[in-house]
Amino acid sequence: MTQLTYSESNVLESIYIKSKSVTEIKLSWEKQNETKVNGASLHYLLKIRKGMKVSEMRIKKERISLPNLEMCSKYCFHLSSVNKAGFSELSKEICCYTLAPSKIE
C-alpha cells in the first residue's frame, strides 16, 4: 500500500499557545493556504506529548481549547495539516506549562 504525502511544502509555522488556567491550554494557528494540486486542508492532526506519553487529536478548526490537563505540567505539541493527498510535515514542537495555583491569603 502506498502512503500519500503532501505534494507541496506546507508546514504550519504560526502557532500560538497560551496557558489559560491550572488545567487549560489554548492553541490557535493560521489557516493553511490551498495547494495547487490537492486543495485546502480537510482537517489538522494535533500530537500532544506530556513526558513520554503521546496522544493525537483530529481537529477541524484553527483553534482548540484543551481542558482537564494536570496543573503545573509541561505539554508539547506538533501540528500537521491534512489534505486529500495526505499529511504535511509536522510543525516544530511548541511547549507550554499549565499554570500553578495561586496562594489565597
C-alpha atoms as a PDB file:
ATOM      1  CA  MET A   1       0.000   0.000   0.000  1.00  0.00           C
ATOM      2  CA  THR A   2       1.424   3.375  -0.999  1.00  0.00           C
ATOM      3  CA  GLN A   3       1.238   6.195   1.534  1.00  0.00           C
ATOM      4  CA  LEU A   4       0.248   9.539   0.060  1.00  0.00           C
ATOM      5  CA  THR A   5       2.087  12.632   1.209  1.00  0.00           C
ATOM      6  CA  TYR A   6       1.588  16.326   0.766  1.00  0.00           C
ATOM      7  CA  SER A   7       2.882  17.261  -2.676  1.00  0.00           C
ATOM      8  CA  GLU A   8       3.909  20.770  -1.676  1.00  0.00           C
ATOM      9  CA  SER A   9       5.764  22.056   1.378  1.00  0.00           C
ATOM     10  CA  ASN A  10       3.094  23.432   3.676  1.00  0.00           C
ATOM     11  CA  VAL A  11       4.381  23.228   7.260  1.00  0.00           C
ATOM     12  CA  LEU A  12       2.361  25.102   9.879  1.00  0.00           C
ATOM     13  CA  GLU A  13       4.574  27.805  11.353  1.00  0.00           C
ATOM     14  CA  SER A  14       2.363  30.418  13.027  1.00  0.00           C
ATOM     15  CA  ILE A  15       1.123  28.521  16.083  1.00  0.00           C
ATOM     16  CA  TYR A  16       0.015  30.441  19.157  1.00  0.00           C
ATOM     17  CA  ILE A  17      -0.196  28.885  22.602  1.00  0.00           C
ATOM     18  CA  LYS A  18      -1.434  30.217  25.926  1.00  0.00           C
ATOM     19  CA  SER A  19      -1.949  28.685  29.342  1.00  0.00           C
ATOM     20  CA  LYS A  20      -5.431  29.807  30.425  1.00  0.00           C
ATOM     21  CA  SER A  21      -5.626  28.196  33.874  1.00  0.00           C
ATOM     22  CA  VAL A  22      -4.185  25.465  36.071  1.00  0.00           C
ATOM     23  CA  THR A  23      -5.870  22.870  33.833  1.00  0.00           C
ATOM     24  CA  GLU A  24      -6.349  24.507  30.402  1.00  0.00           C
ATOM     25  CA  ILE A  25      -4.160  25.423  27.417  1.00  0.00           C
ATOM     26  CA  LYS A  26      -5.411  27.121  24.244  1.00  0.00           C
ATOM     27  CA  LEU A  27      -3.827  26.679  20.823  1.00  0.00           C
ATOM     28  CA  SER A  28      -4.533  28.518  17.587  1.00  0.00           C
ATOM     29  CA  TRP A  29      -2.865  28.768  14.190  1.00  0.00           C
ATOM     30  CA  GLU A  30      -3.300  30.443  10.845  1.00  0.00           C
ATOM     31  CA  LYS A  31      -5.420  28.668   8.243  1.00  0.00           C
ATOM     32  CA  GLN A  32      -3.364  26.804   5.662  1.00  0.00           C
ATOM     33  CA  ASN A  33      -3.333  28.037   2.077  1.00  0.00           C
ATOM     34  CA  GLU A  34      -4.743  25.731  -0.546  1.00  0.00           C
ATOM     35  CA  THR A  35      -2.164  23.775  -2.502  1.00  0.00           C
ATOM     36  CA  LYS A  36      -2.287  23.964  -6.291  1.00  0.00           C
ATOM     37  CA  VAL A  37      -2.769  20.240  -6.756  1.00  0.00           C
ATOM     38  CA  ASN A  38      -4.547  18.931  -3.664  1.00  0.00           C
ATOM     39  CA  GLY A  39      -6.750  21.769  -2.458  1.00  0.00           C
ATOM     40  CA  ALA A  40      -7.467  23.050   1.028  1.00  0.00           C
ATOM     41  CA  SER A  41      -6.843  21.371   4.356  1.00  0.00           C
ATOM     42  CA  LEU A  42      -9.534  18.876   5.275  1.00  0.00           C
ATOM     43  CA  HIS A  43      -8.509  18.842   8.938  1.00  0.00           C
ATOM     44  CA  TYR A  44      -5.493  19.089  11.229  1.00  0.00           C
ATOM     45  CA  LEU A  45      -3.696  16.467  13.272  1.00  0.00           C
ATOM     46  CA  LEU A  46      -2.507  17.594  16.718  1.00  0.00           C
ATOM     47  CA  LYS A  47       0.083  15.484  18.530  1.00  0.00           C
ATOM     48  CA  ILE A  48       0.196  16.098  22.276  1.00  0.00           C
ATOM     49  CA  ARG A  49       3.138  14.991  24.408  1.00  0.00           C
ATOM     50  CA  LYS A  50       3.381  15.008  28.193  1.00  0.00           C
ATOM     51  CA  GLY A  51       6.580  13.331  29.285  1.00  0.00           C
ATOM     52  CA  MET A  52       6.802  10.058  27.351  1.00  0.00           C
ATOM     53  CA  LYS A  53       3.036   9.817  26.708  1.00  0.00           C
ATOM     54  CA  VAL A  54       1.903  10.901  23.228  1.00  0.00           C
ATOM     55  CA  SER A  55      -1.668  11.222  22.002  1.00  0.00           C
ATOM     56  CA  GLU A  56      -3.287  12.544  18.817  1.00  0.00           C
ATOM     57  CA  MET A  57      -6.406  14.559  18.037  1.00  0.00           C
ATOM     58  CA  ARG A  58      -8.127  15.329  14.745  1.00  0.00           C
ATOM     59  CA  ILE A  59      -9.273  18.965  14.598  1.00  0.00           C
ATOM     60  CA  LYS A  60     -11.489  20.734  12.038  1.00  0.00           C
ATOM     61  CA  LYS A  61     -10.908  24.393  13.029  1.00  0.00           C
ATOM     62  CA  GLU A  62      -7.790  26.517  13.506  1.00  0.00           C
ATOM     63  CA  ARG A  63      -8.115  26.668  17.288  1.00  0.00           C
ATOM     64  CA  ILE A  64      -8.643  24.362  20.219  1.00  0.00           C
ATOM     65  CA  SER A  65      -9.006  24.585  23.964  1.00  0.00           C
ATOM     66  CA  LEU A  66      -7.564  21.653  25.899  1.00  0.00           C
ATOM     67  CA  PRO A  67      -9.254  21.438  29.328  1.00  0.00           C
ATOM     68  CA  ASN A  68      -8.778  18.895  32.114  1.00  0.00           C
ATOM     69  CA  LEU A  69      -4.973  18.921  31.978  1.00  0.00           C
ATOM     70  CA  GLU A  70      -2.728  18.401  35.002  1.00  0.00           C
ATOM     71  CA  MET A  71      -1.696  21.577  36.829  1.00  0.00           C
ATOM     72  CA  CYS A  72       1.944  22.737  36.739  1.00  0.00           C
ATOM     73  CA  SER A  73       2.636  20.318  33.888  1.00  0.00           C
ATOM     74  CA  LYS A  74       4.531  20.730  30.634  1.00  0.00           C
ATOM     75  CA  TYR A  75       2.665  19.849  27.441  1.00  0.00           C
ATOM     76  CA  CYS A  76       4.296  19.861  23.997  1.00  0.00           C
ATOM     77  CA  PHE A  77       2.530  19.966  20.644  1.00  0.00           C
ATOM     78  CA  HIS A  78       3.173  19.238  16.949  1.00  0.00           C
ATOM     79  CA  LEU A  79       0.636  20.104  14.284  1.00  0.00           C
ATOM     80  CA  SER A  80       0.106  18.799  10.754  1.00  0.00           C
ATOM     81  CA  SER A  81      -2.334  19.841   8.048  1.00  0.00           C
ATOM     82  CA  VAL A  82      -4.156  17.128   6.095  1.00  0.00           C
ATOM     83  CA  ASN A  83      -5.471  17.450   2.542  1.00  0.00           C
ATOM     84  CA  LYS A  84      -6.642  14.847   0.035  1.00  0.00           C
ATOM     85  CA  ALA A  85      -3.011  13.825  -0.709  1.00  0.00           C
ATOM     86  CA  GLY A  86      -2.088  13.178   2.913  1.00  0.00           C
ATOM     87  CA  PHE A  87      -0.274  14.839   5.821  1.00  0.00           C
ATOM     88  CA  SER A  88       2.016  17.862   5.702  1.00  0.00           C
ATOM     89  CA  GLU A  89       5.280  17.771   7.616  1.00  0.00           C
ATOM     90  CA  LEU A  90       4.908  18.218  11.371  1.00  0.00           C
ATOM     91  CA  SER A  91       5.362  21.721  12.744  1.00  0.00           C
ATOM     92  CA  LYS A  92       8.202  22.495  15.104  1.00  0.00           C
ATOM     93  CA  GLU A  93       7.436  21.382  18.634  1.00  0.00           C
ATOM     94  CA  ILE A  94       5.892  24.073  20.821  1.00  0.00           C
ATOM     95  CA  CYS A  95       5.561  23.639  24.600  1.00  0.00           C
ATOM     96  CA  CYS A  96       3.611  25.274  27.404  1.00  0.00           C
ATOM     97  CA  TYR A  97       3.072  24.734  31.133  1.00  0.00           C
ATOM     98  CA  THR A  98      -0.319  24.802  32.769  1.00  0.00           C
ATOM     99  CA  LEU A  99      -0.470  27.439  35.484  1.00  0.00           C
ATOM    100  CA  ALA A 100       0.320  26.866  39.132  1.00  0.00           C
ATOM    101  CA  PRO A 101      -2.479  27.520  41.641  1.00  0.00           C
ATOM    102  CA  SER A 102      -2.208  30.945  43.259  1.00  0.00           C
ATOM    103  CA  LYS A 103      -1.964  31.224  47.033  1.00  0.00           C
ATOM    104  CA  ILE A 104      -5.006  32.669  48.764  1.00  0.00           C
ATOM    105  CA  GLU A 105      -4.231  34.722  51.835  1.00  0.00           C
END
